[in-house]
Amino acid sequence: MGVLVAALGAVLAAFILGEYELVGIVPLLAGAVVGLLVGEAVVGIARWRGPVASAVAALLAAGSLLWAGWIDSSEGLEPYPALAAAGALLAAVAAGVRAWSRRPVQPVA
């Protein structure tokens, strides 16, 4: 369930961010925020941590920013925003680090 929420959040973020110009510091900030939110959904809702969870969260977060860049480029008709790729890398790192720990998630009381 948590991975589905993370995926839906990543899709929603891509649609929203794709409507804005991804220039300046915006894609970097967006990458950090999307990465943390996707990672938190995987860890907090799915109660899943470790290398596989980290990879899944990183792929979802990076895909979200890359898709937003594609939408921002008028779906390939204009040049792809260069900083969207940097934002995707930052999103992948943030989500991956958030979900990496091998320590088990504590149950909610």
N, C-alpha and C. Protein backbone atom coordinates (compact mmCIF):
# COMPACT_ATOMS: atom_id res chain seq x y z
N MET A 1 0.82 -1.20 0.00
CA MET A 1 0.00 0.00 0.00
C MET A 1 0.86 1.25 0.00
N GLY A 2 1.92 1.25 0.81
CA GLY A 2 2.79 2.42 0.90
C GLY A 2 3.52 2.71 -0.40
N VAL A 3 3.91 1.65 -1.13
CA VAL A 3 4.59 1.85 -2.40
C VAL A 3 3.61 2.43 -3.42
N LEU A 4 2.36 2.02 -3.35
CA LEU A 4 1.34 2.59 -4.23
C LEU A 4 1.14 4.07 -3.93
N VAL A 5 1.10 4.43 -2.66
CA VAL A 5 0.97 5.84 -2.27
C VAL A 5 2.18 6.63 -2.75
N ALA A 6 3.38 6.05 -2.61
CA ALA A 6 4.59 6.72 -3.09
C ALA A 6 4.55 6.91 -4.60
N ALA A 7 4.08 5.90 -5.32
CA ALA A 7 3.99 6.01 -6.78
C ALA A 7 2.97 7.05 -7.20
N LEU A 8 1.82 7.07 -6.54
CA LEU A 8 0.80 8.08 -6.86
C LEU A 8 1.30 9.48 -6.54
N GLY A 9 2.02 9.61 -5.42
CA GLY A 9 2.60 10.91 -5.08
C GLY A 9 3.63 11.36 -6.10
N ALA A 10 4.43 10.42 -6.60
CA ALA A 10 5.43 10.76 -7.62
C ALA A 10 4.75 11.20 -8.92
N VAL A 11 3.68 10.52 -9.31
CA VAL A 11 2.95 10.90 -10.51
C VAL A 11 2.32 12.28 -10.35
N LEU A 12 1.70 12.52 -9.22
CA LEU A 12 1.10 13.82 -8.95
C LEU A 12 2.15 14.92 -8.97
N ALA A 13 3.29 14.66 -8.35
CA ALA A 13 4.37 15.65 -8.35
C ALA A 13 4.86 15.94 -9.76
N ALA A 14 4.96 14.91 -10.60
CA ALA A 14 5.40 15.12 -11.99
C ALA A 14 4.41 16.02 -12.74
N PHE A 15 3.13 15.76 -12.58
CA PHE A 15 2.13 16.58 -13.27
C PHE A 15 2.16 18.03 -12.78
N ILE A 16 2.29 18.22 -11.49
CA ILE A 16 2.30 19.58 -10.94
C ILE A 16 3.57 20.31 -11.35
N LEU A 17 4.73 19.67 -11.14
CA LEU A 17 6.00 20.33 -11.47
C LEU A 17 6.17 20.55 -12.96
N GLY A 18 5.59 19.70 -13.78
CA GLY A 18 5.69 19.86 -15.22
C GLY A 18 5.02 21.11 -15.74
N GLU A 19 4.13 21.68 -14.98
CA GLU A 19 3.44 22.91 -15.39
C GLU A 19 4.26 24.16 -15.10
N TYR A 20 5.38 24.01 -14.41
CA TYR A 20 6.22 25.15 -14.07
C TYR A 20 7.52 25.08 -14.85
N GLU A 21 8.17 26.25 -15.00
CA GLU A 21 9.48 26.30 -15.64
C GLU A 21 10.51 25.71 -14.68
N LEU A 22 11.20 24.68 -15.09
CA LEU A 22 12.22 24.07 -14.26
C LEU A 22 13.57 24.73 -14.54
N VAL A 23 13.71 25.94 -14.01
CA VAL A 23 14.95 26.71 -14.18
C VAL A 23 15.43 27.19 -12.82
N GLY A 24 16.70 27.54 -12.76
CA GLY A 24 17.26 28.05 -11.52
C GLY A 24 17.33 26.96 -10.47
N ILE A 25 16.97 27.33 -9.27
CA ILE A 25 17.08 26.40 -8.14
C ILE A 25 15.81 25.54 -7.97
N VAL A 26 14.78 25.85 -8.72
CA VAL A 26 13.49 25.15 -8.58
C VAL A 26 13.62 23.64 -8.74
N PRO A 27 14.27 23.11 -9.79
CA PRO A 27 14.34 21.65 -9.91
C PRO A 27 15.14 21.00 -8.79
N LEU A 28 16.13 21.70 -8.25
CA LEU A 28 16.91 21.14 -7.16
C LEU A 28 16.08 21.06 -5.88
N LEU A 29 15.37 22.13 -5.57
CA LEU A 29 14.49 22.11 -4.40
C LEU A 29 13.37 21.08 -4.57
N ALA A 30 12.80 21.05 -5.76
CA ALA A 30 11.73 20.08 -6.02
C ALA A 30 12.26 18.66 -5.90
N GLY A 31 13.47 18.42 -6.37
CA GLY A 31 14.06 17.09 -6.27
C GLY A 31 14.24 16.66 -4.82
N ALA A 32 14.72 17.58 -3.99
CA ALA A 32 14.91 17.26 -2.58
C ALA A 32 13.57 16.96 -1.91
N VAL A 33 12.58 17.78 -2.17
CA VAL A 33 11.27 17.60 -1.53
C VAL A 33 10.58 16.32 -2.02
N VAL A 34 10.56 16.10 -3.32
CA VAL A 34 9.92 14.90 -3.85
C VAL A 34 10.64 13.66 -3.36
N GLY A 35 11.95 13.69 -3.34
CA GLY A 35 12.71 12.54 -2.85
C GLY A 35 12.41 12.21 -1.41
N LEU A 36 12.36 13.22 -0.58
CA LEU A 36 12.06 12.98 0.83
C LEU A 36 10.63 12.48 1.03
N LEU A 37 9.69 13.03 0.28
CA LEU A 37 8.30 12.60 0.43
C LEU A 37 8.09 11.17 -0.07
N VAL A 38 8.70 10.82 -1.18
CA VAL A 38 8.58 9.46 -1.70
C VAL A 38 9.26 8.48 -0.74
N GLY A 39 10.44 8.83 -0.27
CA GLY A 39 11.13 7.97 0.70
C GLY A 39 10.34 7.81 1.98
N GLU A 40 9.74 8.88 2.43
CA GLU A 40 8.95 8.81 3.66
C GLU A 40 7.70 7.96 3.47
N ALA A 41 7.09 8.01 2.28
CA ALA A 41 5.92 7.16 2.02
C ALA A 41 6.31 5.69 2.04
N VAL A 42 7.47 5.37 1.48
CA VAL A 42 7.91 3.98 1.47
C VAL A 42 8.22 3.50 2.89
N VAL A 43 8.91 4.33 3.66
CA VAL A 43 9.30 3.93 5.02
C VAL A 43 8.12 4.05 5.99
N GLY A 44 7.42 5.16 5.94
CA GLY A 44 6.39 5.43 6.94
C GLY A 44 5.09 4.67 6.73
N ILE A 45 4.68 4.53 5.48
CA ILE A 45 3.41 3.88 5.22
C ILE A 45 3.62 2.38 4.93
N ALA A 46 4.59 2.06 4.09
CA ALA A 46 4.82 0.66 3.74
C ALA A 46 5.61 -0.08 4.82
N ARG A 47 6.26 0.66 5.71
CA ARG A 47 7.08 0.04 6.76
C ARG A 47 8.13 -0.87 6.13
N TRP A 48 8.81 -0.32 5.11
CA TRP A 48 9.76 -1.10 4.34
C TRP A 48 11.07 -0.33 4.25
N ARG A 49 12.17 -0.96 4.63
CA ARG A 49 13.50 -0.37 4.55
C ARG A 49 14.46 -1.38 3.97
N GLY A 50 15.61 -0.90 3.54
CA GLY A 50 16.66 -1.76 3.04
C GLY A 50 17.05 -1.40 1.62
N PRO A 51 17.94 -2.18 1.04
CA PRO A 51 18.44 -1.86 -0.30
C PRO A 51 17.37 -1.88 -1.39
N VAL A 52 16.45 -2.84 -1.33
CA VAL A 52 15.41 -2.91 -2.35
C VAL A 52 14.43 -1.75 -2.21
N ALA A 53 14.04 -1.45 -0.99
CA ALA A 53 13.16 -0.30 -0.75
C ALA A 53 13.83 0.98 -1.19
N SER A 54 15.12 1.09 -0.93
CA SER A 54 15.88 2.27 -1.33
C SER A 54 15.89 2.44 -2.85
N ALA A 55 16.10 1.34 -3.55
CA ALA A 55 16.12 1.39 -5.02
C ALA A 55 14.75 1.75 -5.59
N VAL A 56 13.71 1.18 -5.03
CA VAL A 56 12.35 1.48 -5.50
C VAL A 56 12.02 2.95 -5.27
N ALA A 57 12.31 3.45 -4.08
CA ALA A 57 12.04 4.85 -3.76
C ALA A 57 12.85 5.78 -4.66
N ALA A 58 14.11 5.45 -4.90
CA ALA A 58 14.97 6.28 -5.74
C ALA A 58 14.44 6.32 -7.18
N LEU A 59 14.03 5.18 -7.70
CA LEU A 59 13.50 5.13 -9.07
C LEU A 59 12.20 5.93 -9.20
N LEU A 60 11.32 5.80 -8.22
CA LEU A 60 10.06 6.56 -8.27
C LEU A 60 10.32 8.07 -8.21
N ALA A 61 11.20 8.49 -7.31
CA ALA A 61 11.48 9.92 -7.15
C ALA A 61 12.17 10.49 -8.38
N ALA A 62 13.18 9.79 -8.88
CA ALA A 62 13.90 10.27 -10.07
C ALA A 62 12.98 10.29 -11.29
N GLY A 63 12.18 9.26 -11.43
CA GLY A 63 11.24 9.21 -12.55
C GLY A 63 10.26 10.37 -12.52
N SER A 64 9.85 10.75 -11.34
CA SER A 64 8.93 11.88 -11.19
C SER A 64 9.54 13.17 -11.74
N LEU A 65 10.78 13.45 -11.38
CA LEU A 65 11.43 14.68 -11.85
C LEU A 65 11.75 14.61 -13.34
N LEU A 66 12.16 13.44 -13.82
CA LEU A 66 12.43 13.31 -15.25
C LEU A 66 11.16 13.49 -16.08
N TRP A 67 10.06 12.94 -15.58
CA TRP A 67 8.78 13.11 -16.26
C TRP A 67 8.35 14.57 -16.23
N ALA A 68 8.54 15.23 -15.11
CA ALA A 68 8.19 16.66 -15.02
C ALA A 68 9.01 17.47 -16.02
N GLY A 69 10.29 17.13 -16.19
CA GLY A 69 11.11 17.83 -17.18
C GLY A 69 10.61 17.61 -18.58
N TRP A 70 10.15 16.38 -18.86
CA TRP A 70 9.61 16.09 -20.18
C TRP A 70 8.32 16.88 -20.42
N ILE A 71 7.47 16.98 -19.42
CA ILE A 71 6.25 17.77 -19.54
C ILE A 71 6.61 19.24 -19.74
N ASP A 72 7.60 19.74 -18.97
CA ASP A 72 8.04 21.13 -19.08
C ASP A 72 8.58 21.44 -20.47
N SER A 73 9.16 20.46 -21.13
CA SER A 73 9.72 20.67 -22.47
C SER A 73 8.64 20.56 -23.55
N SER A 74 7.41 20.71 -23.16
CA SER A 74 6.25 20.56 -24.07
C SER A 74 6.26 19.18 -24.70
N GLU A 75 6.55 18.19 -23.85
CA GLU A 75 6.55 16.79 -24.24
C GLU A 75 7.49 16.52 -25.40
N GLY A 76 8.68 17.11 -25.30
CA GLY A 76 9.74 16.85 -26.27
C GLY A 76 9.83 17.84 -27.42
N LEU A 77 8.95 18.82 -27.49
CA LEU A 77 8.98 19.78 -28.58
C LEU A 77 10.01 20.89 -28.36
N GLU A 78 10.33 21.17 -27.12
CA GLU A 78 11.32 22.18 -26.77
C GLU A 78 12.51 21.48 -26.13
N PRO A 79 13.62 22.19 -25.96
CA PRO A 79 14.77 21.55 -25.30
C PRO A 79 14.43 21.11 -23.87
N TYR A 80 14.99 19.95 -23.51
CA TYR A 80 14.78 19.41 -22.17
C TYR A 80 15.53 20.28 -21.16
N PRO A 81 14.89 20.68 -20.06
CA PRO A 81 15.58 21.51 -19.07
C PRO A 81 16.73 20.75 -18.41
N ALA A 82 17.93 21.29 -18.52
CA ALA A 82 19.13 20.61 -18.05
C ALA A 82 19.09 20.35 -16.54
N LEU A 83 18.56 21.29 -15.78
CA LEU A 83 18.55 21.11 -14.34
C LEU A 83 17.51 20.10 -13.86
N ALA A 84 16.62 19.68 -14.75
CA ALA A 84 15.66 18.65 -14.35
C ALA A 84 16.38 17.34 -14.09
N ALA A 85 17.42 17.06 -14.85
CA ALA A 85 18.21 15.84 -14.62
C ALA A 85 18.95 15.93 -13.29
N ALA A 86 19.47 17.11 -12.96
CA ALA A 86 20.14 17.29 -11.67
C ALA A 86 19.13 17.15 -10.52
N GLY A 87 17.93 17.67 -10.71
CA GLY A 87 16.88 17.51 -9.71
C GLY A 87 16.49 16.05 -9.54
N ALA A 88 16.47 15.30 -10.64
CA ALA A 88 16.15 13.87 -10.58
C ALA A 88 17.23 13.12 -9.80
N LEU A 89 18.48 13.48 -10.02
CA LEU A 89 19.57 12.85 -9.28
C LEU A 89 19.45 13.14 -7.78
N LEU A 90 19.15 14.39 -7.45
CA LEU A 90 18.97 14.76 -6.04
C LEU A 90 17.77 14.04 -5.43
N ALA A 91 16.69 13.90 -6.20
CA ALA A 91 15.51 13.18 -5.72
C ALA A 91 15.84 11.72 -5.44
N ALA A 92 16.60 11.11 -6.34
CA ALA A 92 16.97 9.70 -6.16
C ALA A 92 17.83 9.52 -4.92
N VAL A 93 18.78 10.41 -4.72
CA VAL A 93 19.65 10.31 -3.54
C VAL A 93 18.85 10.51 -2.26
N ALA A 94 17.97 11.53 -2.24
CA ALA A 94 17.19 11.81 -1.03
C ALA A 94 16.26 10.64 -0.69
N ALA A 95 15.57 10.10 -1.68
CA ALA A 95 14.66 8.98 -1.43
C ALA A 95 15.44 7.72 -1.05
N GLY A 96 16.54 7.49 -1.73
CA GLY A 96 17.34 6.30 -1.44
C GLY A 96 17.93 6.31 -0.05
N VAL A 97 18.44 7.45 0.35
CA VAL A 97 19.02 7.56 1.70
C VAL A 97 17.94 7.39 2.76
N ARG A 98 16.78 7.95 2.51
CA ARG A 98 15.68 7.86 3.49
C ARG A 98 15.24 6.41 3.70
N ALA A 99 15.27 5.61 2.66
CA ALA A 99 14.77 4.24 2.76
C ALA A 99 15.87 3.20 2.95
N TRP A 100 17.12 3.59 3.10
CA TRP A 100 18.23 2.64 3.09
C TRP A 100 18.39 1.82 4.36
N SER A 101 18.16 2.38 5.51
CA SER A 101 18.50 1.74 6.78
C SER A 101 18.00 0.31 6.86
N ARG A 102 18.85 -0.58 7.40
CA ARG A 102 18.45 -1.97 7.59
C ARG A 102 17.77 -2.19 8.94
N ARG A 103 17.76 -1.14 9.74
CA ARG A 103 17.11 -1.23 11.05
C ARG A 103 15.61 -1.38 10.83
N PRO A 104 14.95 -2.33 11.49
CA PRO A 104 13.51 -2.53 11.27
C PRO A 104 12.71 -1.31 11.74
N VAL A 105 11.61 -1.09 11.04
CA VAL A 105 10.72 0.02 11.39
C VAL A 105 9.96 -0.36 12.64
N GLN A 106 9.90 0.56 13.59
CA GLN A 106 9.18 0.32 14.84
C GLN A 106 7.67 0.35 14.59
N PRO A 107 6.93 -0.60 15.13
CA PRO A 107 5.48 -0.60 14.94
C PRO A 107 4.83 0.60 15.63
N VAL A 108 3.75 1.03 15.05
CA VAL A 108 2.99 2.15 15.61
C VAL A 108 2.20 1.64 16.80
N ALA A 109 2.29 2.35 17.91
CA ALA A 109 1.60 1.91 19.13
C ALA A 109 0.15 2.31 19.13
